[in-house]
Structure formats: C-alpha cells, structure tokens
Amino acid sequence: MNRAALSRRLSPAILCLAASLALAAPLSSAGADSSEPPPVPGGKIGTLKMGRYACELPGDAGGLIGEPVPEYDFTIVNASSYLAKGVRGSYLHTGSEVVMTGGVFRNRRFTRISAGFLEETGPGPEPEAGAMRCILVPRR
C-alpha cells in the first residue's frame, strides 16, 4: 500500500481518536483539582487562630512599648466568627487581609502580619487610625 492510500485509510480513525482525547482531557483535569477551591479575588481564603486578641496603639521610646486599648479587644471563637463586647460577629480572611464583616466591629480592616499578629488598616481608634495592632494572647 502506498503512502497516500495509507493516509486516507488511517485519517478517520486518527480523527476519531483525537476527538475522543480532546473531549476526555477537560473532564479529567476538572476532576483532578476538585478538592482545591477556585481562586478568589484578594487571595486564598483562610482563618485566624482561635483565642483572644489584645489590641494596642504603639508606645514611644520613653514610655510603654504599647498602649493597651481593651475596648477593641476581640476573641476568635471559630473558623469565621469573633466575639467582642458580648456580641458575635463575622470576619473574612483572604490573602493577608482580614475584614470584620459583621458585629460591633463591622468594617474594621487588618493586614495579617503573621499568625496571631494583625495590624489595623481601616476604621479604628482616634487619633492614629491604622496604627493599632492586635496580638493573639497566649493561653495560660
């Protein structure tokens, strides 16, 4: 059999096989990553470590290291809830940003510096809004 005849004979079989593979590829790749959630704006969704966060304003070189602001303290009680002033609220942690989305501290925004260390970047105590930090208090 010459090359042209062989090409005509195999073409339908090869096309059918190529079409089958093209249809199967998206299905197999979709199932492979099903355990990983799709990306969201702002970064991967996360949670904060549970426990009480004590908030403070920076001190100065001649005095305290930090000036406690207990009225802004809160406790992370589960994956996406906090408790402050006896009222439960919710928060959203995406990438390095934490936003209080409900409760008494609604609209407060933080940057997560490290596990258990937040720096406020949104509405907060005056006169230095944005300078406050909240630190996870170790259990005793």
C-alpha atoms as a PDB file:
ATOM      1  CA  MET A   1       0.000   0.000   0.000  1.00  0.00           C
ATOM      2  CA  ASN A   2       1.379   3.420  -0.885  1.00  0.00           C
ATOM      3  CA  ARG A   3       1.634   6.386   1.445  1.00  0.00           C
ATOM      4  CA  ALA A   4      -1.431   8.277   0.090  1.00  0.00           C
ATOM      5  CA  ALA A   5      -3.687   5.214   0.408  1.00  0.00           C
ATOM      6  CA  LEU A   6      -2.467   4.555   3.953  1.00  0.00           C
ATOM      7  CA  SER A   7      -3.088   8.209   4.878  1.00  0.00           C
ATOM      8  CA  ARG A   8      -6.683   8.103   3.566  1.00  0.00           C
ATOM      9  CA  ARG A   9      -7.327   4.866   5.410  1.00  0.00           C
ATOM     10  CA  LEU A  10      -5.972   5.999   8.832  1.00  0.00           C
ATOM     11  CA  SER A  11      -7.321   9.550   8.801  1.00  0.00           C
ATOM     12  CA  PRO A  12     -10.874   8.766  10.030  1.00  0.00           C
ATOM     13  CA  ALA A  13      -9.529   6.528  12.828  1.00  0.00           C
ATOM     14  CA  ILE A  14      -6.949   9.101  13.928  1.00  0.00           C
ATOM     15  CA  LEU A  15      -9.500  11.917  13.820  1.00  0.00           C
ATOM     16  CA  CYS A  16     -11.925   9.883  15.928  1.00  0.00           C
ATOM     17  CA  LEU A  17      -9.199   9.091  18.473  1.00  0.00           C
ATOM     18  CA  ALA A  18      -8.044  12.738  18.598  1.00  0.00           C
ATOM     19  CA  ALA A  19     -11.633  13.930  19.145  1.00  0.00           C
ATOM     20  CA  SER A  20     -12.132  11.395  21.966  1.00  0.00           C
ATOM     21  CA  LEU A  21      -8.935  12.524  23.682  1.00  0.00           C
ATOM     22  CA  ALA A  22      -9.842  16.201  23.309  1.00  0.00           C
ATOM     23  CA  LEU A  23     -13.230  15.598  24.956  1.00  0.00           C
ATOM     24  CA  ALA A  24     -11.805  13.488  27.786  1.00  0.00           C
ATOM     25  CA  ALA A  25      -8.970  15.879  28.716  1.00  0.00           C
ATOM     26  CA  PRO A  26     -11.144  18.698  30.172  1.00  0.00           C
ATOM     27  CA  LEU A  27     -13.200  16.194  32.153  1.00  0.00           C
ATOM     28  CA  SER A  28     -10.184  14.519  33.724  1.00  0.00           C
ATOM     29  CA  SER A  29      -8.445  17.795  34.565  1.00  0.00           C
ATOM     30  CA  ALA A  30     -11.639  19.236  36.111  1.00  0.00           C
ATOM     31  CA  GLY A  31     -11.953  16.263  38.440  1.00  0.00           C
ATOM     32  CA  ALA A  32      -8.276  16.289  39.431  1.00  0.00           C
ATOM     33  CA  ASP A  33      -8.445  19.695  41.142  1.00  0.00           C
ATOM     34  CA  SER A  34     -11.925  19.315  42.635  1.00  0.00           C
ATOM     35  CA  SER A  35     -10.512  19.298  46.199  1.00  0.00           C
ATOM     36  CA  GLU A  36      -8.916  22.727  45.691  1.00  0.00           C
ATOM     37  CA  PRO A  37     -11.375  25.654  45.667  1.00  0.00           C
ATOM     38  CA  PRO A  38     -11.164  28.072  42.757  1.00  0.00           C
ATOM     39  CA  PRO A  39      -9.146  31.248  43.356  1.00  0.00           C
ATOM     40  CA  VAL A  40     -11.000  34.231  44.787  1.00  0.00           C
ATOM     41  CA  PRO A  41     -10.270  37.942  44.440  1.00  0.00           C
ATOM     42  CA  GLY A  42      -7.864  39.025  47.165  1.00  0.00           C
ATOM     43  CA  GLY A  43      -6.194  35.642  47.596  1.00  0.00           C
ATOM     44  CA  LYS A  44      -6.804  32.314  49.225  1.00  0.00           C
ATOM     45  CA  ILE A  45      -9.483  32.185  51.932  1.00  0.00           C
ATOM     46  CA  GLY A  46      -8.155  31.450  55.407  1.00  0.00           C
ATOM     47  CA  THR A  47      -8.973  31.647  59.094  1.00  0.00           C
ATOM     48  CA  LEU A  48      -7.355  33.236  62.122  1.00  0.00           C
ATOM     49  CA  LYS A  49      -6.020  31.310  65.092  1.00  0.00           C
ATOM     50  CA  MET A  50      -8.675  30.953  67.775  1.00  0.00           C
ATOM     51  CA  GLY A  51      -8.217  32.847  71.015  1.00  0.00           C
ATOM     52  CA  ARG A  52      -8.261  36.353  72.479  1.00  0.00           C
ATOM     53  CA  TYR A  53      -6.632  39.202  70.541  1.00  0.00           C
ATOM     54  CA  ALA A  54      -5.460  42.149  72.665  1.00  0.00           C
ATOM     55  CA  CYS A  55      -5.271  45.467  70.819  1.00  0.00           C
ATOM     56  CA  GLU A  56      -2.821  48.285  71.461  1.00  0.00           C
ATOM     57  CA  LEU A  57      -1.513  51.514  69.997  1.00  0.00           C
ATOM     58  CA  PRO A  58       2.248  51.915  69.621  1.00  0.00           C
ATOM     59  CA  GLY A  59       4.060  53.478  72.548  1.00  0.00           C
ATOM     60  CA  ASP A  60       7.126  55.673  72.432  1.00  0.00           C
ATOM     61  CA  ALA A  61      10.775  55.286  73.312  1.00  0.00           C
ATOM     62  CA  GLY A  62      10.345  56.986  76.694  1.00  0.00           C
ATOM     63  CA  GLY A  63       7.336  55.024  77.934  1.00  0.00           C
ATOM     64  CA  LEU A  64       5.307  51.908  77.377  1.00  0.00           C
ATOM     65  CA  ILE A  65       6.056  49.615  74.455  1.00  0.00           C
ATOM     66  CA  GLY A  66       2.348  49.677  73.617  1.00  0.00           C
ATOM     67  CA  GLU A  67      -0.702  51.485  74.953  1.00  0.00           C
ATOM     68  CA  PRO A  68      -3.491  48.930  75.565  1.00  0.00           C
ATOM     69  CA  VAL A  69      -6.898  49.679  74.018  1.00  0.00           C
ATOM     70  CA  PRO A  70      -9.072  46.993  75.685  1.00  0.00           C
ATOM     71  CA  GLU A  71     -12.341  48.290  74.189  1.00  0.00           C
ATOM     72  CA  TYR A  72     -11.096  47.000  70.813  1.00  0.00           C
ATOM     73  CA  ASP A  73     -10.089  43.502  72.017  1.00  0.00           C
ATOM     74  CA  PHE A  74     -11.908  40.535  70.458  1.00  0.00           C
ATOM     75  CA  THR A  75     -11.897  36.747  70.584  1.00  0.00           C
ATOM     76  CA  ILE A  76     -11.900  34.437  67.550  1.00  0.00           C
ATOM     77  CA  VAL A  77     -14.412  31.733  68.533  1.00  0.00           C
ATOM     78  CA  ASN A  78     -14.457  29.547  65.404  1.00  0.00           C
ATOM     79  CA  ALA A  79     -13.459  29.495  61.740  1.00  0.00           C
ATOM     80  CA  SER A  80     -15.119  32.784  60.762  1.00  0.00           C
ATOM     81  CA  SER A  81     -16.658  34.275  63.915  1.00  0.00           C
ATOM     82  CA  TYR A  82     -15.434  36.604  66.614  1.00  0.00           C
ATOM     83  CA  LEU A  83     -16.848  37.835  69.911  1.00  0.00           C
ATOM     84  CA  ALA A  84     -16.485  41.459  71.056  1.00  0.00           C
ATOM     85  CA  LYS A  85     -18.366  43.347  73.774  1.00  0.00           C
ATOM     86  CA  GLY A  86     -20.598  40.291  74.226  1.00  0.00           C
ATOM     87  CA  VAL A  87     -21.770  40.339  70.590  1.00  0.00           C
ATOM     88  CA  ARG A  88     -20.857  37.747  67.997  1.00  0.00           C
ATOM     89  CA  GLY A  89     -19.671  38.922  64.569  1.00  0.00           C
ATOM     90  CA  SER A  90     -18.097  37.510  61.436  1.00  0.00           C
ATOM     91  CA  TYR A  91     -14.869  38.141  59.547  1.00  0.00           C
ATOM     92  CA  LEU A  92     -13.376  37.315  56.155  1.00  0.00           C
ATOM     93  CA  HIS A  93      -9.682  36.468  55.755  1.00  0.00           C
ATOM     94  CA  THR A  94      -8.396  36.474  52.166  1.00  0.00           C
ATOM     95  CA  GLY A  95      -4.705  36.550  51.339  1.00  0.00           C
ATOM     96  CA  SER A  96      -3.185  38.776  54.023  1.00  0.00           C
ATOM     97  CA  GLU A  97      -6.308  40.931  54.508  1.00  0.00           C
ATOM     98  CA  VAL A  98      -8.832  40.462  57.340  1.00  0.00           C
ATOM     99  CA  VAL A  99     -12.150  42.340  57.263  1.00  0.00           C
ATOM    100  CA  MET A 100     -14.736  42.276  60.044  1.00  0.00           C
ATOM    101  CA  THR A 101     -17.924  41.756  58.031  1.00  0.00           C
ATOM    102  CA  GLY A 102     -20.472  41.776  60.855  1.00  0.00           C
ATOM    103  CA  GLY A 103     -20.895  42.532  64.540  1.00  0.00           C
ATOM    104  CA  VAL A 104     -19.798  45.542  66.576  1.00  0.00           C
ATOM    105  CA  PHE A 105     -16.510  45.904  64.682  1.00  0.00           C
ATOM    106  CA  ARG A 106     -18.042  45.742  61.207  1.00  0.00           C
ATOM    107  CA  ASN A 107     -15.809  47.316  58.519  1.00  0.00           C
ATOM    108  CA  ARG A 108     -12.611  47.154  60.607  1.00  0.00           C
ATOM    109  CA  ARG A 109      -9.755  46.069  58.339  1.00  0.00           C
ATOM    110  CA  PHE A 110      -6.432  44.451  59.187  1.00  0.00           C
ATOM    111  CA  THR A 111      -3.326  43.180  57.478  1.00  0.00           C
ATOM    112  CA  ARG A 112      -2.204  39.820  58.838  1.00  0.00           C
ATOM    113  CA  ILE A 113       1.493  40.259  59.558  1.00  0.00           C
ATOM    114  CA  SER A 114       1.969  36.746  60.936  1.00  0.00           C
ATOM    115  CA  ALA A 115      -0.009  34.064  62.766  1.00  0.00           C
ATOM    116  CA  GLY A 116      -1.533  35.894  65.737  1.00  0.00           C
ATOM    117  CA  PHE A 117      -0.407  39.397  64.712  1.00  0.00           C
ATOM    118  CA  LEU A 118      -2.771  41.822  62.957  1.00  0.00           C
ATOM    119  CA  GLU A 119      -2.165  45.458  62.041  1.00  0.00           C
ATOM    120  CA  GLU A 120      -5.218  47.643  61.525  1.00  0.00           C
ATOM    121  CA  THR A 121      -5.537  49.342  58.150  1.00  0.00           C
ATOM    122  CA  GLY A 122      -9.144  50.600  58.366  1.00  0.00           C
ATOM    123  CA  PRO A 123     -11.549  52.371  60.726  1.00  0.00           C
ATOM    124  CA  GLY A 124     -10.260  52.304  64.281  1.00  0.00           C
ATOM    125  CA  PRO A 125      -9.469  54.363  67.371  1.00  0.00           C
ATOM    126  CA  GLU A 126      -8.503  58.003  67.005  1.00  0.00           C
ATOM    127  CA  PRO A 127      -6.213  59.894  66.634  1.00  0.00           C
ATOM    128  CA  GLU A 128      -3.934  57.351  64.931  1.00  0.00           C
ATOM    129  CA  ALA A 129      -6.351  55.229  62.890  1.00  0.00           C
ATOM    130  CA  GLY A 130      -4.425  52.446  61.205  1.00  0.00           C
ATOM    131  CA  ALA A 131      -1.621  52.336  63.781  1.00  0.00           C
ATOM    132  CA  MET A 132      -3.321  49.840  66.102  1.00  0.00           C
ATOM    133  CA  ARG A 133      -2.156  46.247  66.298  1.00  0.00           C
ATOM    134  CA  CYS A 134      -3.963  43.230  67.735  1.00  0.00           C
ATOM    135  CA  ILE A 135      -1.944  40.315  69.053  1.00  0.00           C
ATOM    136  CA  LEU A 136      -3.097  36.811  69.985  1.00  0.00           C
ATOM    137  CA  VAL A 137      -2.711  36.432  73.754  1.00  0.00           C
ATOM    138  CA  PRO A 138      -1.088  33.120  74.713  1.00  0.00           C
ATOM    139  CA  ARG A 139      -3.146  30.745  76.856  1.00  0.00           C
ATOM    140  CA  ARG A 140      -2.056  30.220  80.441  1.00  0.00           C
END
